[in-house]
Amino acid sequence: MLDRILQIAENRVMQISAMHIPGKNNQVADSISRLAMSGDFQIRQEVLVDALQRLKMKPSLDVFANRRNRQCKRFYSLMPDSWLKGQDGLSKCWIGEISLLHPPILFIWRTINKIMGKKIKGMIIVPSWTSQSWWPDLQKLIVKMIVLGNCKQNLII
């Protein structure tokens, strides 16, 4: 990804610089990056139920979950757990499933790539970040999009 950015900058004769913004001055991005690292969050049950009803979907597998935040009986987790279907949902086959995909931020790009490559059916929950490099690919996949609103109101952290 970095190589791609640098190549574009070079082709357009642009100069790129980076700087650190302290978390106290950039609270939203700081809290999101902490959330991205932990992956220990979940969408509120009532918000998910409403979205699934509007989409007319019933997921069979929660791909990024743990025992506490799972939304389906069957789930994959990054951590070992006797209740789970398996570990590392990204490495498993989702074909034949209706997958609930609420990936940690660090896994959004890989999740979108897997959906594109395997023609996966399911629901993906991601932030509305139009400036992200994965956003155009996500737009190609969307059959129906529902904007859930502010993450503070819709997530349990």
N, C-alpha and C. Protein backbone atom coordinates (compact mmCIF):
# COMPACT_ATOMS: atom_id res chain seq x y z
N MET A 1 0.81 -1.18 0.00
CA MET A 1 0.00 0.00 0.00
C MET A 1 0.87 1.26 0.00
N LEU A 2 1.87 1.26 0.85
CA LEU A 2 2.77 2.40 0.91
C LEU A 2 3.46 2.63 -0.43
N ASP A 3 3.88 1.54 -1.06
CA ASP A 3 4.53 1.67 -2.38
C ASP A 3 3.60 2.33 -3.38
N ARG A 4 2.32 1.95 -3.33
CA ARG A 4 1.34 2.51 -4.25
C ARG A 4 1.18 4.02 -4.01
N ILE A 5 1.10 4.42 -2.76
CA ILE A 5 0.96 5.84 -2.42
C ILE A 5 2.19 6.61 -2.89
N LEU A 6 3.37 6.06 -2.62
CA LEU A 6 4.60 6.74 -3.03
C LEU A 6 4.71 6.85 -4.55
N GLN A 7 4.28 5.83 -5.26
CA GLN A 7 4.31 5.86 -6.72
C GLN A 7 3.38 6.93 -7.27
N ILE A 8 2.18 7.03 -6.71
CA ILE A 8 1.23 8.06 -7.14
C ILE A 8 1.80 9.44 -6.87
N ALA A 9 2.37 9.62 -5.68
CA ALA A 9 2.96 10.92 -5.33
C ALA A 9 4.09 11.27 -6.28
N GLU A 10 4.93 10.29 -6.60
CA GLU A 10 6.05 10.53 -7.51
C GLU A 10 5.55 10.88 -8.90
N ASN A 11 4.55 10.16 -9.40
CA ASN A 11 4.00 10.43 -10.73
C ASN A 11 3.40 11.83 -10.83
N ARG A 12 2.85 12.31 -9.72
CA ARG A 12 2.20 13.63 -9.72
C ARG A 12 3.13 14.73 -9.18
N VAL A 13 4.38 14.36 -9.00
CA VAL A 13 5.40 15.28 -8.48
C VAL A 13 4.89 15.95 -7.18
N MET A 14 4.45 15.09 -6.28
CA MET A 14 3.94 15.56 -5.00
C MET A 14 4.93 15.19 -3.90
N GLN A 15 4.89 15.95 -2.86
CA GLN A 15 5.73 15.66 -1.70
C GLN A 15 4.81 15.29 -0.54
N ILE A 16 5.15 14.23 0.17
CA ILE A 16 4.34 13.75 1.28
C ILE A 16 5.13 13.91 2.57
N SER A 17 4.44 14.37 3.59
CA SER A 17 5.08 14.42 4.91
C SER A 17 4.08 13.90 5.94
N ALA A 18 4.60 13.36 7.00
CA ALA A 18 3.77 12.81 8.07
C ALA A 18 4.10 13.53 9.36
N MET A 19 3.11 13.64 10.21
CA MET A 19 3.35 14.25 11.51
C MET A 19 2.47 13.59 12.55
N HIS A 20 2.90 13.61 13.76
CA HIS A 20 2.15 13.02 14.86
C HIS A 20 1.19 14.06 15.44
N ILE A 21 -0.05 13.65 15.62
CA ILE A 21 -1.03 14.48 16.30
C ILE A 21 -1.34 13.79 17.62
N PRO A 22 -1.07 14.42 18.75
CA PRO A 22 -1.34 13.77 20.04
C PRO A 22 -2.80 13.35 20.17
N GLY A 23 -3.04 12.22 20.79
CA GLY A 23 -4.38 11.69 20.96
C GLY A 23 -5.35 12.67 21.59
N LYS A 24 -4.86 13.48 22.53
CA LYS A 24 -5.76 14.44 23.19
C LYS A 24 -6.25 15.52 22.22
N ASN A 25 -5.53 15.74 21.12
CA ASN A 25 -5.95 16.71 20.10
C ASN A 25 -6.71 16.06 18.95
N ASN A 26 -6.78 14.76 18.94
CA ASN A 26 -7.39 14.01 17.85
C ASN A 26 -8.15 12.83 18.43
N GLN A 27 -9.11 13.11 19.29
CA GLN A 27 -9.75 12.08 20.10
C GLN A 27 -10.50 11.03 19.30
N VAL A 28 -11.18 11.43 18.24
CA VAL A 28 -11.96 10.45 17.47
C VAL A 28 -11.03 9.42 16.82
N ALA A 29 -10.02 9.89 16.09
CA ALA A 29 -9.09 8.96 15.43
C ALA A 29 -8.34 8.12 16.46
N ASP A 30 -7.96 8.72 17.58
CA ASP A 30 -7.25 8.00 18.62
C ASP A 30 -8.11 6.87 19.20
N SER A 31 -9.37 7.16 19.49
CA SER A 31 -10.24 6.12 20.05
C SER A 31 -10.52 5.03 19.03
N ILE A 32 -10.66 5.41 17.76
CA ILE A 32 -10.90 4.41 16.72
C ILE A 32 -9.68 3.52 16.55
N SER A 33 -8.48 4.09 16.61
CA SER A 33 -7.28 3.26 16.45
C SER A 33 -7.13 2.30 17.62
N ARG A 34 -7.50 2.72 18.81
CA ARG A 34 -7.46 1.80 19.96
C ARG A 34 -8.47 0.67 19.78
N LEU A 35 -9.63 1.02 19.27
CA LEU A 35 -10.67 0.04 18.99
C LEU A 35 -10.19 -0.94 17.93
N ALA A 36 -9.50 -0.43 16.92
CA ALA A 36 -9.00 -1.27 15.84
C ALA A 36 -8.04 -2.32 16.37
N MET A 37 -7.27 -1.96 17.36
CA MET A 37 -6.28 -2.89 17.89
C MET A 37 -6.95 -3.99 18.71
N SER A 38 -7.98 -3.66 19.44
CA SER A 38 -8.56 -4.64 20.35
C SER A 38 -9.57 -5.54 19.66
N GLY A 39 -10.38 -4.97 18.76
CA GLY A 39 -11.43 -5.76 18.12
C GLY A 39 -12.50 -6.19 19.10
N ASP A 40 -12.46 -5.68 20.32
CA ASP A 40 -13.40 -6.11 21.36
C ASP A 40 -14.54 -5.11 21.46
N PHE A 41 -15.41 -5.12 20.46
CA PHE A 41 -16.55 -4.24 20.41
C PHE A 41 -17.66 -5.00 19.71
N GLN A 42 -18.87 -4.50 19.81
CA GLN A 42 -19.96 -5.14 19.10
C GLN A 42 -21.02 -4.12 18.75
N ILE A 43 -21.79 -4.44 17.73
CA ILE A 43 -22.90 -3.59 17.35
C ILE A 43 -24.05 -3.89 18.31
N ARG A 44 -24.78 -2.88 18.69
CA ARG A 44 -25.92 -3.07 19.59
C ARG A 44 -26.93 -4.02 18.95
N GLN A 45 -27.45 -4.94 19.74
CA GLN A 45 -28.36 -5.97 19.26
C GLN A 45 -29.55 -5.37 18.51
N GLU A 46 -30.17 -4.33 19.07
CA GLU A 46 -31.35 -3.75 18.43
C GLU A 46 -31.02 -3.09 17.09
N VAL A 47 -29.83 -2.54 16.97
CA VAL A 47 -29.39 -1.92 15.71
C VAL A 47 -29.17 -3.02 14.67
N LEU A 48 -28.52 -4.10 15.08
CA LEU A 48 -28.28 -5.21 14.15
C LEU A 48 -29.58 -5.85 13.70
N VAL A 49 -30.48 -6.11 14.64
CA VAL A 49 -31.76 -6.74 14.29
C VAL A 49 -32.53 -5.89 13.28
N ASP A 50 -32.55 -4.57 13.52
CA ASP A 50 -33.23 -3.66 12.60
C ASP A 50 -32.59 -3.71 11.21
N ALA A 51 -31.27 -3.65 11.16
CA ALA A 51 -30.56 -3.69 9.87
C ALA A 51 -30.81 -5.01 9.14
N LEU A 52 -30.76 -6.11 9.86
CA LEU A 52 -30.99 -7.42 9.23
C LEU A 52 -32.41 -7.54 8.70
N GLN A 53 -33.37 -7.01 9.44
CA GLN A 53 -34.76 -7.03 8.95
C GLN A 53 -34.90 -6.19 7.69
N ARG A 54 -34.28 -5.03 7.68
CA ARG A 54 -34.35 -4.16 6.50
C ARG A 54 -33.67 -4.79 5.29
N LEU A 55 -32.63 -5.57 5.54
CA LEU A 55 -31.90 -6.25 4.46
C LEU A 55 -32.49 -7.61 4.11
N LYS A 56 -33.44 -8.06 4.93
CA LYS A 56 -34.05 -9.40 4.77
C LYS A 56 -32.98 -10.49 4.78
N MET A 57 -32.13 -10.44 5.83
CA MET A 57 -31.02 -11.38 5.96
C MET A 57 -31.06 -12.07 7.32
N LYS A 58 -30.58 -13.29 7.34
CA LYS A 58 -30.40 -14.02 8.58
C LYS A 58 -29.02 -14.68 8.53
N PRO A 59 -28.02 -14.06 9.13
CA PRO A 59 -26.67 -14.62 9.06
C PRO A 59 -26.56 -15.96 9.78
N SER A 60 -25.73 -16.81 9.22
CA SER A 60 -25.51 -18.13 9.80
C SER A 60 -24.17 -18.21 10.54
N LEU A 61 -23.29 -17.23 10.32
CA LEU A 61 -21.94 -17.29 10.87
C LEU A 61 -21.42 -15.89 11.16
N ASP A 62 -20.92 -15.68 12.37
CA ASP A 62 -20.28 -14.42 12.76
C ASP A 62 -18.77 -14.65 12.63
N VAL A 63 -18.16 -13.97 11.68
CA VAL A 63 -16.77 -14.27 11.33
C VAL A 63 -15.75 -13.62 12.27
N PHE A 64 -16.07 -12.47 12.83
CA PHE A 64 -15.13 -11.76 13.71
C PHE A 64 -15.80 -11.56 15.07
N ALA A 65 -15.67 -12.52 15.93
CA ALA A 65 -16.40 -12.45 17.20
C ALA A 65 -15.59 -13.09 18.32
N ASN A 66 -16.16 -13.03 19.48
CA ASN A 66 -15.70 -13.81 20.62
C ASN A 66 -16.94 -14.22 21.40
N ARG A 67 -16.77 -14.95 22.45
CA ARG A 67 -17.91 -15.46 23.20
C ARG A 67 -18.83 -14.34 23.68
N ARG A 68 -18.26 -13.20 24.06
CA ARG A 68 -19.05 -12.10 24.61
C ARG A 68 -19.79 -11.28 23.56
N ASN A 69 -19.21 -11.11 22.38
CA ASN A 69 -19.83 -10.20 21.41
C ASN A 69 -20.43 -10.90 20.19
N ARG A 70 -20.47 -12.20 20.20
CA ARG A 70 -20.99 -12.93 19.03
C ARG A 70 -22.46 -12.61 18.81
N GLN A 71 -22.84 -12.62 17.54
CA GLN A 71 -24.23 -12.33 17.17
C GLN A 71 -24.91 -13.56 16.55
N CYS A 72 -24.16 -14.63 16.35
CA CYS A 72 -24.69 -15.89 15.81
C CYS A 72 -24.22 -17.03 16.71
N LYS A 73 -24.94 -18.16 16.67
CA LYS A 73 -24.50 -19.32 17.45
C LYS A 73 -23.13 -19.79 16.99
N ARG A 74 -22.93 -19.78 15.68
CA ARG A 74 -21.65 -20.22 15.12
C ARG A 74 -20.79 -19.00 14.86
N PHE A 75 -19.54 -19.06 15.31
CA PHE A 75 -18.66 -17.91 15.15
C PHE A 75 -17.21 -18.33 15.09
N TYR A 76 -16.42 -17.48 14.48
CA TYR A 76 -14.96 -17.61 14.48
C TYR A 76 -14.41 -16.52 15.39
N SER A 77 -13.25 -16.80 15.96
CA SER A 77 -12.61 -15.84 16.85
C SER A 77 -11.11 -15.84 16.61
N LEU A 78 -10.47 -14.76 16.98
CA LEU A 78 -9.01 -14.72 16.91
C LEU A 78 -8.40 -15.45 18.09
N MET A 79 -9.16 -15.56 19.18
CA MET A 79 -8.67 -16.19 20.40
C MET A 79 -9.26 -17.59 20.55
N PRO A 80 -8.52 -18.53 21.13
CA PRO A 80 -9.07 -19.88 21.35
C PRO A 80 -10.28 -19.83 22.28
N ASP A 81 -11.28 -20.65 21.98
CA ASP A 81 -12.50 -20.71 22.79
C ASP A 81 -13.20 -22.02 22.47
N SER A 82 -13.68 -22.71 23.49
CA SER A 82 -14.33 -24.01 23.27
C SER A 82 -15.68 -23.87 22.57
N TRP A 83 -16.28 -22.69 22.56
CA TRP A 83 -17.58 -22.49 21.93
C TRP A 83 -17.49 -22.23 20.43
N LEU A 84 -16.34 -21.84 19.94
CA LEU A 84 -16.27 -21.36 18.57
C LEU A 84 -16.20 -22.47 17.53
N LYS A 85 -16.56 -22.08 16.30
CA LYS A 85 -16.48 -22.99 15.15
C LYS A 85 -15.04 -23.19 14.74
N GLY A 86 -14.21 -22.19 14.93
CA GLY A 86 -12.80 -22.26 14.59
C GLY A 86 -12.13 -20.94 14.86
N GLN A 87 -10.83 -20.92 14.68
CA GLN A 87 -10.06 -19.71 14.87
C GLN A 87 -9.71 -19.09 13.54
N ASP A 88 -9.47 -17.80 13.52
CA ASP A 88 -9.04 -17.06 12.35
C ASP A 88 -10.03 -17.21 11.19
N GLY A 89 -11.17 -16.54 11.34
CA GLY A 89 -12.22 -16.60 10.34
C GLY A 89 -11.80 -16.19 8.94
N LEU A 90 -10.79 -15.33 8.82
CA LEU A 90 -10.34 -14.93 7.49
C LEU A 90 -9.72 -16.07 6.71
N SER A 91 -9.19 -17.06 7.40
CA SER A 91 -8.55 -18.18 6.71
C SER A 91 -9.53 -19.31 6.38
N LYS A 92 -10.77 -19.18 6.82
CA LYS A 92 -11.77 -20.24 6.62
C LYS A 92 -12.63 -19.98 5.39
N CYS A 93 -13.32 -21.00 4.94
CA CYS A 93 -14.22 -20.90 3.80
C CYS A 93 -15.59 -20.42 4.29
N TRP A 94 -16.12 -19.37 3.64
CA TRP A 94 -17.44 -18.84 4.00
C TRP A 94 -18.49 -19.18 2.95
N ILE A 95 -18.09 -19.91 1.92
CA ILE A 95 -19.02 -20.24 0.84
C ILE A 95 -20.13 -21.11 1.42
N GLY A 96 -21.36 -20.80 1.04
CA GLY A 96 -22.53 -21.53 1.55
C GLY A 96 -23.05 -20.94 2.85
N GLU A 97 -22.39 -19.93 3.37
CA GLU A 97 -22.81 -19.26 4.60
C GLU A 97 -23.39 -17.90 4.23
N ILE A 98 -24.16 -17.35 5.13
CA ILE A 98 -24.53 -15.94 5.07
C ILE A 98 -23.76 -15.33 6.22
N SER A 99 -22.67 -14.71 5.90
CA SER A 99 -21.70 -14.27 6.90
C SER A 99 -22.03 -12.89 7.45
N LEU A 100 -21.91 -12.76 8.76
CA LEU A 100 -21.94 -11.46 9.41
C LEU A 100 -20.49 -11.04 9.59
N LEU A 101 -20.12 -9.97 8.92
CA LEU A 101 -18.74 -9.52 8.88
C LEU A 101 -18.64 -8.14 9.52
N HIS A 102 -18.11 -8.10 10.71
CA HIS A 102 -17.88 -6.83 11.41
C HIS A 102 -16.41 -6.85 11.82
N PRO A 103 -15.53 -6.68 10.82
CA PRO A 103 -14.10 -6.87 11.08
C PRO A 103 -13.49 -5.74 11.90
N PRO A 104 -12.49 -6.07 12.71
CA PRO A 104 -11.68 -5.00 13.30
C PRO A 104 -11.11 -4.16 12.16
N ILE A 105 -10.88 -2.91 12.41
CA ILE A 105 -10.44 -1.98 11.38
C ILE A 105 -9.23 -2.50 10.60
N LEU A 106 -8.31 -3.12 11.29
CA LEU A 106 -7.11 -3.63 10.62
C LEU A 106 -7.40 -4.74 9.61
N PHE A 107 -8.58 -5.37 9.70
CA PHE A 107 -8.92 -6.48 8.81
C PHE A 107 -9.94 -6.11 7.73
N ILE A 108 -10.35 -4.86 7.66
CA ILE A 108 -11.37 -4.48 6.68
C ILE A 108 -10.89 -4.75 5.26
N TRP A 109 -9.70 -4.32 4.92
CA TRP A 109 -9.18 -4.50 3.56
C TRP A 109 -9.11 -5.97 3.18
N ARG A 110 -8.57 -6.78 4.07
CA ARG A 110 -8.46 -8.23 3.78
C ARG A 110 -9.85 -8.86 3.64
N THR A 111 -10.81 -8.41 4.44
CA THR A 111 -12.17 -8.95 4.35
C THR A 111 -12.80 -8.61 3.01
N ILE A 112 -12.66 -7.38 2.58
CA ILE A 112 -13.21 -6.96 1.29
C ILE A 112 -12.55 -7.75 0.15
N ASN A 113 -11.25 -7.94 0.22
CA ASN A 113 -10.56 -8.73 -0.80
C ASN A 113 -11.08 -10.16 -0.85
N LYS A 114 -11.33 -10.74 0.31
CA LYS A 114 -11.84 -12.12 0.34
C LYS A 114 -13.24 -12.19 -0.26
N ILE A 115 -14.08 -11.23 0.07
CA ILE A 115 -15.44 -11.20 -0.49
C ILE A 115 -15.37 -11.09 -2.01
N MET A 116 -14.51 -10.22 -2.51
CA MET A 116 -14.38 -10.01 -3.97
C MET A 116 -13.89 -11.28 -4.66
N GLY A 117 -12.95 -11.96 -4.04
CA GLY A 117 -12.36 -13.14 -4.67
C GLY A 117 -13.24 -14.37 -4.62
N LYS A 118 -14.10 -14.47 -3.62
CA LYS A 118 -14.87 -15.71 -3.41
C LYS A 118 -16.37 -15.55 -3.62
N LYS A 119 -16.83 -14.34 -3.94
CA LYS A 119 -18.27 -14.09 -4.13
C LYS A 119 -19.06 -14.53 -2.89
N ILE A 120 -18.71 -13.99 -1.76
CA ILE A 120 -19.31 -14.32 -0.48
C ILE A 120 -20.64 -13.59 -0.31
N LYS A 121 -21.61 -14.25 0.31
CA LYS A 121 -22.88 -13.61 0.65
C LYS A 121 -22.84 -13.23 2.12
N GLY A 122 -23.31 -12.04 2.41
CA GLY A 122 -23.35 -11.65 3.81
C GLY A 122 -23.54 -10.16 3.98
N MET A 123 -23.31 -9.75 5.20
CA MET A 123 -23.46 -8.35 5.60
C MET A 123 -22.13 -7.91 6.20
N ILE A 124 -21.61 -6.79 5.69
CA ILE A 124 -20.36 -6.26 6.23
C ILE A 124 -20.67 -4.93 6.93
N ILE A 125 -20.15 -4.78 8.12
CA ILE A 125 -20.34 -3.56 8.90
C ILE A 125 -18.98 -2.88 9.01
N VAL A 126 -18.88 -1.71 8.42
CA VAL A 126 -17.63 -0.94 8.42
C VAL A 126 -17.95 0.54 8.62
N PRO A 127 -16.96 1.31 9.07
CA PRO A 127 -17.17 2.75 9.17
C PRO A 127 -17.34 3.37 7.78
N SER A 128 -18.07 4.45 7.71
CA SER A 128 -18.25 5.17 6.45
C SER A 128 -17.06 6.10 6.26
N TRP A 129 -15.97 5.54 5.76
CA TRP A 129 -14.72 6.27 5.56
C TRP A 129 -14.43 6.33 4.07
N THR A 130 -14.98 7.31 3.41
CA THR A 130 -14.85 7.41 1.96
C THR A 130 -13.42 7.67 1.51
N SER A 131 -12.56 8.14 2.40
CA SER A 131 -11.17 8.42 2.02
C SER A 131 -10.26 7.20 2.14
N GLN A 132 -10.77 6.10 2.66
CA GLN A 132 -9.95 4.90 2.82
C GLN A 132 -9.70 4.23 1.46
N SER A 133 -8.56 3.60 1.33
CA SER A 133 -8.21 2.95 0.06
C SER A 133 -9.14 1.79 -0.27
N TRP A 134 -9.78 1.20 0.72
CA TRP A 134 -10.69 0.08 0.47
C TRP A 134 -12.09 0.53 0.07
N TRP A 135 -12.42 1.80 0.24
CA TRP A 135 -13.78 2.28 0.00
C TRP A 135 -14.27 2.03 -1.45
N PRO A 136 -13.49 2.33 -2.49
CA PRO A 136 -13.98 2.06 -3.86
C PRO A 136 -14.29 0.58 -4.10
N ASP A 137 -13.48 -0.31 -3.57
CA ASP A 137 -13.75 -1.75 -3.74
C ASP A 137 -15.01 -2.15 -2.99
N LEU A 138 -15.21 -1.59 -1.83
CA LEU A 138 -16.43 -1.86 -1.06
C LEU A 138 -17.65 -1.42 -1.86
N GLN A 139 -17.58 -0.26 -2.50
CA GLN A 139 -18.71 0.25 -3.27
C GLN A 139 -19.08 -0.70 -4.42
N LYS A 140 -18.09 -1.37 -5.00
CA LYS A 140 -18.35 -2.33 -6.08
C LYS A 140 -19.13 -3.54 -5.58
N LEU A 141 -18.98 -3.87 -4.31
CA LEU A 141 -19.61 -5.06 -3.74
C LEU A 141 -21.05 -4.83 -3.26
N ILE A 142 -21.37 -3.61 -2.95
CA ILE A 142 -22.64 -3.30 -2.27
C ILE A 142 -23.84 -3.60 -3.15
N VAL A 143 -24.75 -4.38 -2.60
CA VAL A 143 -26.04 -4.62 -3.23
C VAL A 143 -27.04 -3.65 -2.62
N LYS A 144 -26.99 -3.52 -1.30
CA LYS A 144 -27.84 -2.56 -0.58
C LYS A 144 -27.05 -2.04 0.60
N MET A 145 -27.10 -0.72 0.80
CA MET A 145 -26.35 -0.12 1.90
C MET A 145 -27.32 0.56 2.87
N ILE A 146 -27.07 0.36 4.15
CA ILE A 146 -27.82 1.03 5.19
C ILE A 146 -26.82 1.81 6.04
N VAL A 147 -27.08 3.08 6.23
CA VAL A 147 -26.22 3.89 7.09
C VAL A 147 -26.80 3.80 8.50
N LEU A 148 -26.01 3.25 9.41
CA LEU A 148 -26.49 3.01 10.77
C LEU A 148 -26.36 4.24 11.67
N GLY A 149 -25.52 5.17 11.27
CA GLY A 149 -25.36 6.38 12.06
C GLY A 149 -24.07 6.38 12.85
N ASN A 150 -24.05 7.17 13.90
CA ASN A 150 -22.88 7.40 14.73
C ASN A 150 -22.46 6.14 15.48
N CYS A 151 -21.15 5.83 15.44
CA CYS A 151 -20.66 4.62 16.12
C CYS A 151 -20.85 4.69 17.63
N LYS A 152 -20.81 5.88 18.22
CA LYS A 152 -21.01 6.00 19.66
C LYS A 152 -22.39 5.51 20.08
N GLN A 153 -23.37 5.68 19.21
CA GLN A 153 -24.74 5.25 19.50
C GLN A 153 -24.99 3.79 19.15
N ASN A 154 -24.20 3.24 18.23
CA ASN A 154 -24.49 1.91 17.69
C ASN A 154 -23.55 0.81 18.13
N LEU A 155 -22.45 1.17 18.77
CA LEU A 155 -21.49 0.16 19.23
C LEU A 155 -21.47 0.07 20.74
N ILE A 156 -21.20 -1.11 21.22
CA ILE A 156 -20.92 -1.33 22.63
C ILE A 156 -19.41 -1.57 22.71
N ILE A 157 -18.74 -0.70 23.42
CA ILE A 157 -17.28 -0.78 23.49
C ILE A 157 -16.86 -1.22 24.87
